[in-house]
N, C-alpha and C. Protein backbone atom coordinates (compact mmCIF):
# COMPACT_ATOMS: atom_id res chain seq x y z
N MET A 1 82.59 115.00 103.22
CA MET A 1 83.90 114.51 102.80
C MET A 1 84.28 113.35 103.70
N ILE A 2 84.85 112.33 103.09
CA ILE A 2 85.28 111.13 103.81
C ILE A 2 86.80 111.05 103.74
N LEU A 3 87.44 110.82 104.88
CA LEU A 3 88.89 110.65 104.94
C LEU A 3 89.20 109.18 105.16
N TYR A 4 89.87 108.60 104.19
CA TYR A 4 90.34 107.21 104.27
C TYR A 4 91.82 107.30 104.61
N ASN A 5 92.18 106.84 105.80
CA ASN A 5 93.55 106.95 106.30
C ASN A 5 94.18 105.57 106.36
N VAL A 6 95.36 105.45 105.76
CA VAL A 6 96.12 104.20 105.81
C VAL A 6 97.42 104.50 106.53
N THR A 7 97.60 103.89 107.69
CA THR A 7 98.81 104.07 108.48
C THR A 7 99.71 102.86 108.24
N VAL A 8 100.95 103.13 107.87
CA VAL A 8 101.90 102.06 107.53
C VAL A 8 103.19 102.26 108.30
N ASN A 9 103.64 101.20 108.97
CA ASN A 9 104.97 101.18 109.56
C ASN A 9 105.82 100.31 108.65
N ILE A 10 106.88 100.89 108.09
CA ILE A 10 107.73 100.19 107.13
C ILE A 10 109.12 99.93 107.72
N ASP A 11 109.64 98.77 107.44
CA ASP A 11 110.97 98.36 107.88
C ASP A 11 112.00 99.35 107.31
N ASN A 12 112.89 99.83 108.16
CA ASN A 12 113.89 100.81 107.71
C ASN A 12 114.82 100.26 106.64
N ALA A 13 114.98 98.95 106.57
CA ALA A 13 115.87 98.35 105.57
C ALA A 13 115.37 98.60 104.14
N VAL A 14 114.05 98.79 103.97
CA VAL A 14 113.49 99.02 102.63
C VAL A 14 112.82 100.40 102.52
N HIS A 15 112.98 101.20 103.54
CA HIS A 15 112.28 102.48 103.65
C HIS A 15 112.40 103.36 102.41
N ASP A 16 113.61 103.66 101.99
CA ASP A 16 113.80 104.64 100.90
C ASP A 16 113.17 104.17 99.60
N GLU A 17 113.39 102.90 99.25
CA GLU A 17 112.81 102.35 98.03
C GLU A 17 111.30 102.33 98.13
N TRP A 18 110.77 101.91 99.29
CA TRP A 18 109.32 101.85 99.51
C TRP A 18 108.67 103.23 99.38
N LEU A 19 109.26 104.23 100.04
CA LEU A 19 108.68 105.57 100.00
C LEU A 19 108.68 106.11 98.57
N ASN A 20 109.74 105.87 97.83
CA ASN A 20 109.78 106.29 96.43
C ASN A 20 108.68 105.58 95.64
N TRP A 21 108.52 104.27 95.84
CA TRP A 21 107.48 103.51 95.15
C TRP A 21 106.09 104.01 95.52
N MET A 22 105.88 104.29 96.79
CA MET A 22 104.58 104.81 97.23
C MET A 22 104.28 106.14 96.54
N ARG A 23 105.26 107.02 96.50
CA ARG A 23 105.06 108.36 95.91
C ARG A 23 104.88 108.32 94.39
N THR A 24 105.62 107.45 93.73
CA THR A 24 105.63 107.48 92.26
C THR A 24 104.73 106.45 91.60
N VAL A 25 104.33 105.41 92.35
CA VAL A 25 103.51 104.35 91.76
C VAL A 25 102.18 104.18 92.50
N HIS A 26 102.26 103.80 93.77
CA HIS A 26 101.04 103.40 94.49
C HIS A 26 100.05 104.55 94.67
N VAL A 27 100.49 105.65 95.25
CA VAL A 27 99.56 106.77 95.48
C VAL A 27 98.98 107.28 94.15
N PRO A 28 99.80 107.45 93.10
CA PRO A 28 99.20 107.84 91.82
C PRO A 28 98.18 106.83 91.30
N GLU A 29 98.40 105.54 91.52
CA GLU A 29 97.42 104.53 91.11
C GLU A 29 96.12 104.67 91.90
N VAL A 30 96.23 104.91 93.19
CA VAL A 30 95.02 105.12 94.01
C VAL A 30 94.27 106.35 93.52
N MET A 31 94.99 107.43 93.26
CA MET A 31 94.34 108.66 92.81
C MET A 31 93.74 108.49 91.41
N ALA A 32 94.35 107.66 90.58
CA ALA A 32 93.85 107.44 89.21
C ALA A 32 92.51 106.70 89.19
N THR A 33 92.10 106.12 90.31
CA THR A 33 90.79 105.46 90.37
C THR A 33 89.66 106.46 90.22
N GLY A 34 89.93 107.73 90.51
CA GLY A 34 88.91 108.75 90.44
C GLY A 34 88.00 108.81 91.65
N CYS A 35 88.29 107.99 92.65
CA CYS A 35 87.45 107.93 93.85
C CYS A 35 87.82 108.98 94.89
N PHE A 36 88.99 109.57 94.75
CA PHE A 36 89.47 110.54 95.72
C PHE A 36 89.81 111.85 95.02
N VAL A 37 89.62 112.95 95.74
CA VAL A 37 89.86 114.27 95.16
C VAL A 37 91.17 114.89 95.64
N GLN A 38 91.75 114.33 96.69
CA GLN A 38 92.98 114.88 97.26
C GLN A 38 93.66 113.80 98.08
N ASN A 39 94.97 113.93 98.25
CA ASN A 39 95.68 113.03 99.15
C ASN A 39 96.81 113.79 99.85
N LYS A 40 97.22 113.25 100.97
CA LYS A 40 98.35 113.80 101.72
C LYS A 40 99.16 112.64 102.27
N ILE A 41 100.46 112.89 102.42
CA ILE A 41 101.35 111.91 103.03
C ILE A 41 102.00 112.60 104.22
N ALA A 42 101.95 111.95 105.39
CA ALA A 42 102.55 112.51 106.60
C ALA A 42 103.41 111.45 107.27
N ARG A 43 104.51 111.90 107.86
CA ARG A 43 105.37 110.99 108.63
C ARG A 43 105.11 111.22 110.11
N LEU A 44 104.94 110.14 110.85
CA LEU A 44 104.71 110.21 112.28
C LEU A 44 105.98 110.70 112.99
N LEU A 45 105.84 111.73 113.80
CA LEU A 45 106.99 112.30 114.49
C LEU A 45 107.25 111.67 115.84
N THR A 46 106.25 111.05 116.43
CA THR A 46 106.40 110.45 117.75
C THR A 46 106.57 108.94 117.61
N GLU A 47 107.69 108.53 117.04
CA GLU A 47 107.97 107.11 116.80
C GLU A 47 108.28 106.39 118.11
N GLU A 48 107.84 105.17 118.17
CA GLU A 48 108.23 104.27 119.24
C GLU A 48 109.38 103.44 118.71
N GLU A 49 110.10 102.80 119.57
CA GLU A 49 111.22 101.95 119.13
C GLU A 49 110.67 100.64 118.59
N ASN A 50 110.23 100.66 117.34
CA ASN A 50 109.65 99.46 116.75
C ASN A 50 110.40 99.00 115.51
N GLY A 51 111.52 99.64 115.22
CA GLY A 51 112.34 99.20 114.12
C GLY A 51 111.89 99.67 112.76
N GLY A 52 110.99 100.62 112.70
CA GLY A 52 110.53 101.10 111.41
C GLY A 52 110.16 102.56 111.47
N THR A 53 109.66 103.05 110.35
CA THR A 53 109.18 104.42 110.24
C THR A 53 107.71 104.37 109.87
N THR A 54 106.91 105.24 110.48
CA THR A 54 105.46 105.19 110.30
C THR A 54 104.97 106.40 109.50
N TYR A 55 104.07 106.11 108.56
CA TYR A 55 103.48 107.13 107.70
C TYR A 55 101.97 107.02 107.74
N SER A 56 101.33 108.16 107.48
CA SER A 56 99.89 108.22 107.29
C SER A 56 99.63 108.67 105.87
N PHE A 57 98.91 107.84 105.12
CA PHE A 57 98.49 108.18 103.77
C PHE A 57 97.01 108.52 103.84
N GLN A 58 96.68 109.76 103.53
CA GLN A 58 95.31 110.25 103.68
C GLN A 58 94.72 110.52 102.30
N TYR A 59 93.57 109.89 102.07
CA TYR A 59 92.86 110.04 100.80
C TYR A 59 91.49 110.62 101.10
N PHE A 60 91.11 111.69 100.40
CA PHE A 60 89.86 112.38 100.64
C PHE A 60 88.86 112.05 99.54
N ALA A 61 87.76 111.41 99.92
CA ALA A 61 86.69 111.06 98.99
C ALA A 61 85.56 112.07 99.14
N PRO A 62 84.93 112.47 98.04
CA PRO A 62 83.86 113.45 98.13
C PRO A 62 82.59 112.92 98.78
N SER A 63 82.45 111.58 98.83
CA SER A 63 81.24 110.98 99.40
C SER A 63 81.53 109.55 99.84
N MET A 64 80.62 109.02 100.64
CA MET A 64 80.74 107.62 101.06
C MET A 64 80.63 106.70 99.85
N GLU A 65 79.81 107.10 98.88
CA GLU A 65 79.63 106.29 97.67
C GLU A 65 80.95 106.14 96.91
N ALA A 66 81.71 107.21 96.83
CA ALA A 66 83.01 107.16 96.15
C ALA A 66 83.97 106.23 96.89
N TYR A 67 83.97 106.31 98.22
CA TYR A 67 84.82 105.42 99.01
C TYR A 67 84.40 103.96 98.82
N VAL A 68 83.10 103.69 98.86
CA VAL A 68 82.60 102.32 98.68
C VAL A 68 82.98 101.80 97.29
N ASP A 69 82.89 102.65 96.29
CA ASP A 69 83.31 102.27 94.94
C ASP A 69 84.78 101.87 94.94
N TYR A 70 85.62 102.66 95.61
CA TYR A 70 87.04 102.32 95.71
C TYR A 70 87.22 100.95 96.35
N GLN A 71 86.55 100.73 97.48
CA GLN A 71 86.69 99.46 98.19
C GLN A 71 86.21 98.28 97.33
N ASN A 72 85.09 98.44 96.67
CA ASN A 72 84.51 97.35 95.90
C ASN A 72 85.23 97.08 94.59
N THR A 73 85.83 98.10 94.00
CA THR A 73 86.37 97.96 92.65
C THR A 73 87.90 97.89 92.60
N TYR A 74 88.58 98.62 93.47
CA TYR A 74 90.02 98.81 93.31
C TYR A 74 90.89 98.35 94.49
N ALA A 75 90.39 98.44 95.70
CA ALA A 75 91.23 98.28 96.89
C ALA A 75 91.95 96.94 96.96
N ALA A 76 91.27 95.86 96.71
CA ALA A 76 91.88 94.54 96.86
C ALA A 76 93.12 94.38 95.99
N ALA A 77 93.04 94.77 94.74
CA ALA A 77 94.18 94.62 93.83
C ALA A 77 95.34 95.53 94.23
N LEU A 78 95.04 96.77 94.61
CA LEU A 78 96.10 97.70 95.00
C LEU A 78 96.77 97.26 96.29
N GLN A 79 95.99 96.78 97.24
CA GLN A 79 96.57 96.30 98.50
C GLN A 79 97.39 95.03 98.27
N ALA A 80 96.91 94.16 97.41
CA ALA A 80 97.64 92.92 97.11
C ALA A 80 98.99 93.22 96.46
N ASP A 81 99.01 94.21 95.60
CA ASP A 81 100.25 94.63 94.94
C ASP A 81 101.27 95.08 95.98
N HIS A 82 100.83 95.91 96.92
CA HIS A 82 101.70 96.39 98.00
C HIS A 82 102.18 95.23 98.86
N THR A 83 101.27 94.34 99.23
CA THR A 83 101.62 93.22 100.10
C THR A 83 102.62 92.29 99.42
N LYS A 84 102.41 92.01 98.15
CA LYS A 84 103.33 91.13 97.41
C LYS A 84 104.73 91.75 97.36
N ARG A 85 104.79 93.03 97.14
CA ARG A 85 106.08 93.72 96.99
C ARG A 85 106.83 93.85 98.32
N TYR A 86 106.10 94.06 99.42
CA TYR A 86 106.74 94.34 100.71
C TYR A 86 106.35 93.36 101.80
N LYS A 87 106.05 92.14 101.43
CA LYS A 87 105.62 91.10 102.37
C LYS A 87 106.60 91.01 103.55
N ASP A 88 106.05 90.96 104.75
CA ASP A 88 106.80 90.84 106.00
C ASP A 88 107.70 92.03 106.30
N ARG A 89 107.53 93.15 105.59
CA ARG A 89 108.33 94.34 105.81
C ARG A 89 107.51 95.51 106.32
N PHE A 90 106.20 95.30 106.52
CA PHE A 90 105.34 96.40 106.94
C PHE A 90 104.18 95.89 107.79
N VAL A 91 103.60 96.84 108.51
CA VAL A 91 102.35 96.62 109.22
C VAL A 91 101.47 97.81 108.84
N ALA A 92 100.20 97.53 108.53
CA ALA A 92 99.30 98.62 108.14
C ALA A 92 97.95 98.47 108.82
N PHE A 93 97.32 99.59 109.07
CA PHE A 93 95.92 99.57 109.49
C PHE A 93 95.22 100.75 108.85
N ARG A 94 93.93 100.59 108.67
CA ARG A 94 93.12 101.57 107.96
C ARG A 94 92.02 102.11 108.86
N THR A 95 91.74 103.40 108.71
CA THR A 95 90.63 104.02 109.43
C THR A 95 89.82 104.87 108.46
N LEU A 96 88.57 105.02 108.76
CA LEU A 96 87.66 105.80 107.93
C LEU A 96 87.04 106.87 108.82
N LEU A 97 87.13 108.12 108.38
CA LEU A 97 86.63 109.24 109.16
C LEU A 97 85.74 110.13 108.31
N GLU A 98 84.77 110.73 108.95
CA GLU A 98 83.92 111.71 108.29
C GLU A 98 84.42 113.10 108.67
N ILE A 99 84.73 113.92 107.68
CA ILE A 99 85.16 115.29 107.93
C ILE A 99 83.91 116.13 108.26
N LEU A 100 83.89 116.73 109.43
CA LEU A 100 82.74 117.52 109.85
C LEU A 100 82.92 119.01 109.54
N GLU A 101 84.13 119.49 109.63
CA GLU A 101 84.40 120.92 109.38
C GLU A 101 85.68 121.07 108.62
């Protein structure tokens, strides 16, 4: 199992609208690609004073091949959609992990 983690710090001025959009539009679109079998959303509890709220969006792929398919086929358009909508209101970074147990 592969865990694709997207950590996003969002400006509090757009937080509520963004979180609703993520839950009702973006995450369902990512899951609709068929590349992931499960997802979770978590809010970071140990915030630093950075003017925003930080979330972890976790997507579980059954194999590296499924993750690569997502990256090659879907990721650019989905990320561009998010960036266009929330330009200069967020910072994001992505990590890829292999689930061992």
